[in-house]
Every structure is written in structure tokens, then in C-alpha cells.
Amino acid sequence: MGVIMLYLMMYSDFIWVAIAAYFCGCFNGAVIVSKYILRDDIRTHGSGNAGLTNFYRTFGGFLTLVVILCDVLKAVIAIRIGMWFGANFDPRIMPDFPLAVEQAVHYLNLFKYWAGLWCLLGHMFPCMFHFKGGKGILSGGTIAIMLDWRLALLVWGGFLILAVLTRYVSLGSVFAAAAFPVGTWLFVSRDPIIMAMALFLGGLVLYMHRGNIKRLLNGTESKFSLHKKG
């Protein structure tokens, strides 16, 4: 009976985490700043993507920092929500369910990855903005930091090296997406469910960059510049 109650509580918590994390992700900084502050929707400019790179190329200026802050904070809040729910399975506060510490860490990681996945879905497909959002690099990178510092080092290190050396932000983004499940396997967990979420999360970012990948292969991808376009 105790085990059944444990799983019922877990499934209920997963639903609440998914809802909360998704709506955190929907808080798209580029769309909100451009549409409601600048009165000029970012999705009508450049690549049409509601992401940091397109915002900077189009508008530049101090408000780019506001976009960064929005996309970072929403990922932090989403993961913290997942951690709060995951902490319910800490054996120190669950005398009725004798979980080992390893199991508690596993449940915590499950909730963190689950929250990160739904936050990214909200960022990419925000229901209040006609399901047209960003590509998930900044929020995804923040999620990696919240998951494990070694995973973040692999993802961010590769991204920055490639982006700086080649000036192709998309190339660094593609590496980061591909490295995410690898880093999960190496540093976080080899649990099949967590690995499935890591693969799906990385696959989402790759899917959102499918146009960039095609342009990279064709040699027509735009390089990043510190000066915004006129």
C-alpha cells in the first residue's frame, strides 16, 4: 500500500511540475520585450525566431540584457520547482518510505530533467504566443548549469569555443545539443528514463536548428557580429 501511495504521489507531482515548468518556459523574453516594450515583434524580423541571437541582431542595446535575464530566470525557476517537488522523496523526511539516498538522488534528477524538458517546450512552443518561440540555447544552457556543473562545462565550453573560433553561434548550439545527452550519460545518470529525457531535450534543440544545420552544410549560414544589423 505504501509503494502504491508513493507512485501516486510521484505521478501527481510530475503533472504539476510539467504544468508549472511549461508556463515558466512560455515567458519568452525576446517576444515580451519586443512586442510589449518596443512594440515591434521580433518574430517579424530576421530569421523570425524569438531567440536571443535574432533579438540582438535586430535591436541590440540594453534590452538584450533584459531578454537574457528573462530566459535565464525562467529556467532557474522551473528547475527549482522540479527540485522542490523532487525533495519530497528525500528519505530524511519520508519515514514511511524507506528510500536509500541513491534513490532520493535519482528521484531528484528525474524531477529536474522533467522540469527542464517542459520549460524548454514552453520556450520553443509558447501557447500564449501562437506556439512560436525560441530555439532554446540560453534556457537550455541554464538548465544544464542547474543539472550538473560538469554537464554545464561540457555544453558551455564546446559552445563558446566553436562560437568564438568560427563565429557561427548555430554551430556551437548544435554541439551543445548533441553534447547534452553525452554529458548526462557521463556525469549525471545512465538511467533509461533520464537518458530518454536528455536525448529528447537535445533532439528538440537540434530540431529547432534544422534550418541552421542546412545552411551550415551549404555554406550560407550568417556569422555572428557584435554589431547589430541596420
C-alpha atoms as a PDB file:
ATOM      1  CA  MET A   1       0.000   0.000   0.000  1.00  0.00           C
ATOM      2  CA  GLY A   2       2.854   2.352   0.856  1.00  0.00           C
ATOM      3  CA  VAL A   3       4.533   1.768  -2.503  1.00  0.00           C
ATOM      4  CA  ILE A   4       1.268   2.465  -4.344  1.00  0.00           C
ATOM      5  CA  MET A   5       0.869   5.757  -2.465  1.00  0.00           C
ATOM      6  CA  LEU A   6       4.442   6.661  -3.318  1.00  0.00           C
ATOM      7  CA  TYR A   7       3.870   6.207  -7.054  1.00  0.00           C
ATOM      8  CA  LEU A   8       0.518   8.013  -6.986  1.00  0.00           C
ATOM      9  CA  MET A   9       2.161  10.964  -5.271  1.00  0.00           C
ATOM     10  CA  MET A  10       5.014  10.903  -7.766  1.00  0.00           C
ATOM     11  CA  TYR A  11       2.769  10.860 -10.843  1.00  0.00           C
ATOM     12  CA  SER A  12       0.646  13.672  -9.428  1.00  0.00           C
ATOM     13  CA  ASP A  13       3.770  15.731  -8.768  1.00  0.00           C
ATOM     14  CA  PHE A  14       5.038  15.103 -12.310  1.00  0.00           C
ATOM     15  CA  ILE A  15       1.827  16.618 -13.683  1.00  0.00           C
ATOM     16  CA  TRP A  16       2.137  19.740 -11.537  1.00  0.00           C
ATOM     17  CA  VAL A  17       5.811  20.151 -12.402  1.00  0.00           C
ATOM     18  CA  ALA A  18       5.068  19.810 -16.125  1.00  0.00           C
ATOM     19  CA  ILE A  19       2.372  22.498 -15.971  1.00  0.00           C
ATOM     20  CA  ALA A  20       4.442  24.926 -13.891  1.00  0.00           C
ATOM     21  CA  ALA A  21       7.648  24.433 -15.895  1.00  0.00           C
ATOM     22  CA  TYR A  22       5.860  24.767 -19.233  1.00  0.00           C
ATOM     23  CA  PHE A  23       4.322  28.112 -18.292  1.00  0.00           C
ATOM     24  CA  CYS A  24       7.675  29.291 -16.946  1.00  0.00           C
ATOM     25  CA  GLY A  25       9.118  28.474 -20.363  1.00  0.00           C
ATOM     26  CA  CYS A  26       6.328  30.392 -22.094  1.00  0.00           C
ATOM     27  CA  PHE A  27       7.665  33.598 -20.531  1.00  0.00           C
ATOM     28  CA  ASN A  28       9.711  34.397 -23.636  1.00  0.00           C
ATOM     29  CA  GLY A  29      11.951  37.404 -23.053  1.00  0.00           C
ATOM     30  CA  ALA A  30      12.516  38.250 -26.718  1.00  0.00           C
ATOM     31  CA  VAL A  31       8.800  38.262 -27.534  1.00  0.00           C
ATOM     32  CA  ILE A  32       7.743  40.143 -24.410  1.00  0.00           C
ATOM     33  CA  VAL A  33      10.412  42.856 -24.730  1.00  0.00           C
ATOM     34  CA  SER A  34       9.983  43.350 -28.475  1.00  0.00           C
ATOM     35  CA  LYS A  35       6.194  43.133 -28.601  1.00  0.00           C
ATOM     36  CA  TYR A  36       5.190  44.966 -25.436  1.00  0.00           C
ATOM     37  CA  ILE A  37       8.109  47.343 -24.839  1.00  0.00           C
ATOM     38  CA  LEU A  38       9.487  48.068 -28.317  1.00  0.00           C
ATOM     39  CA  ARG A  39       6.097  47.494 -29.987  1.00  0.00           C
ATOM     40  CA  ASP A  40       7.864  45.620 -32.772  1.00  0.00           C
ATOM     41  CA  ASP A  41       7.512  41.821 -32.637  1.00  0.00           C
ATOM     42  CA  ILE A  42      10.901  40.146 -33.064  1.00  0.00           C
ATOM     43  CA  ARG A  43       9.234  37.313 -34.988  1.00  0.00           C
ATOM     44  CA  THR A  44       8.657  39.685 -37.913  1.00  0.00           C
ATOM     45  CA  HIS A  45      12.391  40.367 -38.281  1.00  0.00           C
ATOM     46  CA  GLY A  46      15.462  38.484 -39.413  1.00  0.00           C
ATOM     47  CA  SER A  47      15.128  34.740 -39.088  1.00  0.00           C
ATOM     48  CA  GLY A  48      11.704  35.128 -37.478  1.00  0.00           C
ATOM     49  CA  ASN A  49      12.970  33.317 -34.403  1.00  0.00           C
ATOM     50  CA  ALA A  50      12.097  34.604 -30.936  1.00  0.00           C
ATOM     51  CA  GLY A  51      15.567  33.993 -29.555  1.00  0.00           C
ATOM     52  CA  LEU A  52      18.461  35.979 -28.135  1.00  0.00           C
ATOM     53  CA  THR A  53      20.638  35.979 -31.270  1.00  0.00           C
ATOM     54  CA  ASN A  54      17.886  37.281 -33.546  1.00  0.00           C
ATOM     55  CA  PHE A  55      16.882  39.874 -30.935  1.00  0.00           C
ATOM     56  CA  TYR A  56      20.445  41.164 -30.635  1.00  0.00           C
ATOM     57  CA  ARG A  57      20.962  41.266 -34.384  1.00  0.00           C
ATOM     58  CA  THR A  58      17.700  43.157 -34.836  1.00  0.00           C
ATOM     59  CA  PHE A  59      17.546  45.541 -31.872  1.00  0.00           C
ATOM     60  CA  GLY A  60      20.773  45.313 -29.875  1.00  0.00           C
ATOM     61  CA  GLY A  61      21.102  47.663 -26.938  1.00  0.00           C
ATOM     62  CA  PHE A  62      20.476  47.355 -23.221  1.00  0.00           C
ATOM     63  CA  LEU A  63      17.206  45.479 -23.640  1.00  0.00           C
ATOM     64  CA  THR A  64      19.214  42.460 -24.829  1.00  0.00           C
ATOM     65  CA  LEU A  65      20.264  42.064 -21.189  1.00  0.00           C
ATOM     66  CA  VAL A  66      16.600  42.015 -20.185  1.00  0.00           C
ATOM     67  CA  VAL A  67      15.987  39.172 -22.654  1.00  0.00           C
ATOM     68  CA  ILE A  68      18.945  37.271 -21.214  1.00  0.00           C
ATOM     69  CA  LEU A  69      17.683  37.795 -17.671  1.00  0.00           C
ATOM     70  CA  CYS A  70      14.171  36.589 -18.565  1.00  0.00           C
ATOM     71  CA  ASP A  71      15.360  33.427 -20.312  1.00  0.00           C
ATOM     72  CA  VAL A  72      17.816  32.577 -17.533  1.00  0.00           C
ATOM     73  CA  LEU A  73      15.446  33.228 -14.641  1.00  0.00           C
ATOM     74  CA  LYS A  74      12.569  31.219 -16.080  1.00  0.00           C
ATOM     75  CA  ALA A  75      14.836  28.168 -16.450  1.00  0.00           C
ATOM     76  CA  VAL A  76      16.160  28.599 -12.909  1.00  0.00           C
ATOM     77  CA  ILE A  77      12.626  28.895 -11.523  1.00  0.00           C
ATOM     78  CA  ALA A  78      11.420  25.852 -13.484  1.00  0.00           C
ATOM     79  CA  ILE A  79      14.261  23.656 -12.239  1.00  0.00           C
ATOM     80  CA  ARG A  80      13.816  24.922  -8.694  1.00  0.00           C
ATOM     81  CA  ILE A  81      10.158  23.921  -8.884  1.00  0.00           C
ATOM     82  CA  GLY A  82      11.234  20.456 -10.012  1.00  0.00           C
ATOM     83  CA  MET A  83      13.759  20.276  -7.182  1.00  0.00           C
ATOM     84  CA  TRP A  84      11.113  21.331  -4.651  1.00  0.00           C
ATOM     85  CA  PHE A  85       8.816  18.517  -5.741  1.00  0.00           C
ATOM     86  CA  GLY A  86      11.711  16.072  -6.008  1.00  0.00           C
ATOM     87  CA  ALA A  87      12.773  16.872  -2.453  1.00  0.00           C
ATOM     88  CA  ASN A  88       9.503  15.308  -1.272  1.00  0.00           C
ATOM     89  CA  PHE A  89      11.210  11.960  -1.835  1.00  0.00           C
ATOM     90  CA  ASP A  90      14.146  12.708   0.451  1.00  0.00           C
ATOM     91  CA  PRO A  91      14.427   9.696   2.827  1.00  0.00           C
ATOM     92  CA  ARG A  92      15.148  12.062   5.724  1.00  0.00           C
ATOM     93  CA  ILE A  93      11.601  13.445   5.544  1.00  0.00           C
ATOM     94  CA  MET A  94       9.836  10.250   4.435  1.00  0.00           C
ATOM     95  CA  PRO A  95       9.882   7.873   7.405  1.00  0.00           C
ATOM     96  CA  ASP A  96       7.040   5.826   5.919  1.00  0.00           C
ATOM     97  CA  PHE A  97       9.008   5.101   2.727  1.00  0.00           C
ATOM     98  CA  PRO A  98      12.475   3.710   3.447  1.00  0.00           C
ATOM     99  CA  LEU A  99      14.267   5.073   0.367  1.00  0.00           C
ATOM    100  CA  ALA A 100      18.021   4.867   0.058  1.00  0.00           C
ATOM    101  CA  VAL A 101      19.977   8.060  -0.507  1.00  0.00           C
ATOM    102  CA  GLU A 102      20.799   6.868  -4.046  1.00  0.00           C
ATOM    103  CA  GLN A 103      17.103   6.524  -4.787  1.00  0.00           C
ATOM    104  CA  ALA A 104      16.418  10.011  -3.453  1.00  0.00           C
ATOM    105  CA  VAL A 105      19.121  11.473  -5.713  1.00  0.00           C
ATOM    106  CA  HIS A 106      17.652   9.561  -8.634  1.00  0.00           C
ATOM    107  CA  TYR A 107      14.160  10.949  -7.984  1.00  0.00           C
ATOM    108  CA  LEU A 108      15.587  14.455  -7.654  1.00  0.00           C
ATOM    109  CA  ASN A 109      17.340  14.116 -11.022  1.00  0.00           C
ATOM    110  CA  LEU A 110      14.142  12.775 -12.573  1.00  0.00           C
ATOM    111  CA  PHE A 111      12.220  15.857 -11.489  1.00  0.00           C
ATOM    112  CA  LYS A 112      14.989  18.230 -12.575  1.00  0.00           C
ATOM    113  CA  TYR A 113      15.181  16.758 -16.073  1.00  0.00           C
ATOM    114  CA  TRP A 114      11.400  16.615 -16.295  1.00  0.00           C
ATOM    115  CA  ALA A 115      11.108  20.280 -15.332  1.00  0.00           C
ATOM    116  CA  GLY A 116      13.872  21.260 -17.749  1.00  0.00           C
ATOM    117  CA  LEU A 117      12.214  19.422 -20.602  1.00  0.00           C
ATOM    118  CA  TRP A 118       8.852  21.120 -20.096  1.00  0.00           C
ATOM    119  CA  CYS A 119      10.469  24.514 -19.613  1.00  0.00           C
ATOM    120  CA  LEU A 120      12.198  24.102 -22.964  1.00  0.00           C
ATOM    121  CA  LEU A 121       8.935  23.012 -24.597  1.00  0.00           C
ATOM    122  CA  GLY A 122       7.309  26.154 -23.243  1.00  0.00           C
ATOM    123  CA  HIS A 123      10.156  28.299 -24.556  1.00  0.00           C
ATOM    124  CA  MET A 124      10.006  26.773 -28.023  1.00  0.00           C
ATOM    125  CA  PHE A 125       6.225  26.407 -28.293  1.00  0.00           C
ATOM    126  CA  PRO A 126       4.601  29.046 -26.030  1.00  0.00           C
ATOM    127  CA  CYS A 127       0.819  28.678 -26.061  1.00  0.00           C
ATOM    128  CA  MET A 128       0.213  32.411 -25.488  1.00  0.00           C
ATOM    129  CA  PHE A 129       2.415  33.387 -28.438  1.00  0.00           C
ATOM    130  CA  HIS A 130       0.874  31.077 -31.060  1.00  0.00           C
ATOM    131  CA  PHE A 131       3.402  28.301 -30.263  1.00  0.00           C
ATOM    132  CA  LYS A 132       6.185  30.281 -31.948  1.00  0.00           C
ATOM    133  CA  GLY A 133       9.135  30.768 -29.602  1.00  0.00           C
ATOM    134  CA  GLY A 134      12.905  30.493 -29.455  1.00  0.00           C
ATOM    135  CA  LYS A 135      15.399  27.737 -30.145  1.00  0.00           C
ATOM    136  CA  GLY A 136      16.263  27.073 -26.513  1.00  0.00           C
ATOM    137  CA  ILE A 137      20.021  27.643 -26.311  1.00  0.00           C
ATOM    138  CA  LEU A 138      20.173  30.168 -23.472  1.00  0.00           C
ATOM    139  CA  SER A 139      17.419  28.493 -21.455  1.00  0.00           C
ATOM    140  CA  GLY A 140      18.848  25.062 -22.272  1.00  0.00           C
ATOM    141  CA  GLY A 141      22.303  26.174 -21.174  1.00  0.00           C
ATOM    142  CA  THR A 142      20.867  27.459 -17.916  1.00  0.00           C
ATOM    143  CA  ILE A 143      19.114  24.130 -17.408  1.00  0.00           C
ATOM    144  CA  ALA A 144      22.465  22.368 -17.880  1.00  0.00           C
ATOM    145  CA  ILE A 145      24.008  24.562 -15.170  1.00  0.00           C
ATOM    146  CA  MET A 146      21.172  23.706 -12.810  1.00  0.00           C
ATOM    147  CA  LEU A 147      21.539  19.985 -13.500  1.00  0.00           C
ATOM    148  CA  ASP A 148      25.276  19.422 -13.019  1.00  0.00           C
ATOM    149  CA  TRP A 149      28.334  21.692 -13.247  1.00  0.00           C
ATOM    150  CA  ARG A 150      30.295  19.093 -15.244  1.00  0.00           C
ATOM    151  CA  LEU A 151      27.486  18.782 -17.763  1.00  0.00           C
ATOM    152  CA  ALA A 152      27.364  22.589 -17.987  1.00  0.00           C
ATOM    153  CA  LEU A 153      31.137  22.759 -18.503  1.00  0.00           C
ATOM    154  CA  LEU A 154      30.958  20.338 -21.425  1.00  0.00           C
ATOM    155  CA  VAL A 155      27.959  22.034 -23.039  1.00  0.00           C
ATOM    156  CA  TRP A 156      29.011  25.644 -22.498  1.00  0.00           C
ATOM    157  CA  GLY A 157      32.714  25.001 -23.103  1.00  0.00           C
ATOM    158  CA  GLY A 158      32.107  23.439 -26.502  1.00  0.00           C
ATOM    159  CA  PHE A 159      29.541  26.082 -27.415  1.00  0.00           C
ATOM    160  CA  LEU A 160      31.821  29.007 -26.574  1.00  0.00           C
ATOM    161  CA  ILE A 161      34.911  27.547 -28.251  1.00  0.00           C
ATOM    162  CA  LEU A 162      33.089  26.830 -31.508  1.00  0.00           C
ATOM    163  CA  ALA A 163      31.117  30.086 -31.493  1.00  0.00           C
ATOM    164  CA  VAL A 164      34.211  32.212 -30.845  1.00  0.00           C
ATOM    165  CA  LEU A 165      36.519  30.399 -33.278  1.00  0.00           C
ATOM    166  CA  THR A 166      34.046  30.133 -36.158  1.00  0.00           C
ATOM    167  CA  ARG A 167      31.618  32.992 -35.302  1.00  0.00           C
ATOM    168  CA  TYR A 168      28.811  30.549 -36.059  1.00  0.00           C
ATOM    169  CA  VAL A 169      26.548  30.632 -32.991  1.00  0.00           C
ATOM    170  CA  SER A 170      24.470  27.892 -34.567  1.00  0.00           C
ATOM    171  CA  LEU A 171      27.472  25.566 -34.806  1.00  0.00           C
ATOM    172  CA  GLY A 172      28.134  25.974 -31.086  1.00  0.00           C
ATOM    173  CA  SER A 173      24.427  25.434 -30.447  1.00  0.00           C
ATOM    174  CA  VAL A 174      24.383  22.192 -32.452  1.00  0.00           C
ATOM    175  CA  PHE A 175      27.395  20.929 -30.499  1.00  0.00           C
ATOM    176  CA  ALA A 176      25.754  21.850 -27.185  1.00  0.00           C
ATOM    177  CA  ALA A 177      22.568  19.988 -28.121  1.00  0.00           C
ATOM    178  CA  ALA A 178      24.470  16.877 -29.199  1.00  0.00           C
ATOM    179  CA  ALA A 179      26.721  17.002 -26.126  1.00  0.00           C
ATOM    180  CA  PHE A 180      23.829  17.270 -23.672  1.00  0.00           C
ATOM    181  CA  PRO A 181      22.834  13.561 -23.637  1.00  0.00           C
ATOM    182  CA  VAL A 182      26.508  12.557 -23.759  1.00  0.00           C
ATOM    183  CA  GLY A 183      27.223  14.695 -20.701  1.00  0.00           C
ATOM    184  CA  THR A 184      24.182  13.262 -18.970  1.00  0.00           C
ATOM    185  CA  TRP A 185      25.497   9.734 -19.562  1.00  0.00           C
ATOM    186  CA  LEU A 186      28.998  10.649 -18.347  1.00  0.00           C
ATOM    187  CA  PHE A 187      28.246  12.862 -15.356  1.00  0.00           C
ATOM    188  CA  VAL A 188      24.638  12.635 -14.168  1.00  0.00           C
ATOM    189  CA  SER A 189      22.856   9.324 -14.689  1.00  0.00           C
ATOM    190  CA  ARG A 190      22.618   6.351 -17.019  1.00  0.00           C
ATOM    191  CA  ASP A 191      19.046   5.624 -16.013  1.00  0.00           C
ATOM    192  CA  PRO A 192      16.995   4.866 -19.164  1.00  0.00           C
ATOM    193  CA  ILE A 193      14.252   7.375 -18.304  1.00  0.00           C
ATOM    194  CA  ILE A 194      16.688  10.202 -17.614  1.00  0.00           C
ATOM    195  CA  MET A 195      18.659   9.348 -20.748  1.00  0.00           C
ATOM    196  CA  ALA A 196      15.441   9.361 -22.785  1.00  0.00           C
ATOM    197  CA  MET A 197      14.638  12.851 -21.497  1.00  0.00           C
ATOM    198  CA  ALA A 198      18.194  14.024 -22.177  1.00  0.00           C
ATOM    199  CA  LEU A 199      18.046  12.682 -25.741  1.00  0.00           C
ATOM    200  CA  PHE A 200      14.653  14.270 -26.293  1.00  0.00           C
ATOM    201  CA  LEU A 201      15.829  17.589 -24.866  1.00  0.00           C
ATOM    202  CA  GLY A 202      18.934  17.616 -27.051  1.00  0.00           C
ATOM    203  CA  GLY A 203      16.885  16.441 -30.024  1.00  0.00           C
ATOM    204  CA  LEU A 204      14.454  19.338 -29.563  1.00  0.00           C
ATOM    205  CA  VAL A 205      17.286  21.852 -29.812  1.00  0.00           C
ATOM    206  CA  LEU A 206      18.668  20.129 -32.903  1.00  0.00           C
ATOM    207  CA  TYR A 207      15.206  20.129 -34.458  1.00  0.00           C
ATOM    208  CA  MET A 208      14.836  23.851 -33.847  1.00  0.00           C
ATOM    209  CA  HIS A 209      18.203  24.374 -35.541  1.00  0.00           C
ATOM    210  CA  ARG A 210      17.414  22.246 -38.582  1.00  0.00           C
ATOM    211  CA  GLY A 211      17.434  25.313 -40.842  1.00  0.00           C
ATOM    212  CA  ASN A 212      20.778  26.431 -39.427  1.00  0.00           C
ATOM    213  CA  ILE A 213      22.241  22.960 -39.955  1.00  0.00           C
ATOM    214  CA  LYS A 214      21.159  23.029 -43.582  1.00  0.00           C
ATOM    215  CA  ARG A 215      22.730  26.466 -44.090  1.00  0.00           C
ATOM    216  CA  LEU A 216      25.920  25.374 -42.344  1.00  0.00           C
ATOM    217  CA  LEU A 217      26.209  22.435 -44.720  1.00  0.00           C
ATOM    218  CA  ASN A 218      25.504  24.714 -47.695  1.00  0.00           C
ATOM    219  CA  GLY A 219      27.950  27.372 -46.513  1.00  0.00           C
ATOM    220  CA  THR A 220      25.230  30.060 -46.353  1.00  0.00           C
ATOM    221  CA  GLU A 221      24.892  30.463 -42.573  1.00  0.00           C
ATOM    222  CA  SER A 222      25.355  34.018 -41.229  1.00  0.00           C
ATOM    223  CA  LYS A 223      28.246  34.663 -38.858  1.00  0.00           C
ATOM    224  CA  PHE A 224      27.703  36.438 -35.575  1.00  0.00           C
ATOM    225  CA  SER A 225      28.818  40.052 -35.203  1.00  0.00           C
ATOM    226  CA  LEU A 226      28.934  42.275 -32.146  1.00  0.00           C
ATOM    227  CA  HIS A 227      27.385  44.999 -34.258  1.00  0.00           C
ATOM    228  CA  LYS A 228      23.662  44.660 -34.874  1.00  0.00           C
ATOM    229  CA  LYS A 229      22.309  44.897 -38.391  1.00  0.00           C
ATOM    230  CA  GLY A 230      20.958  48.237 -39.532  1.00  0.00           C
END
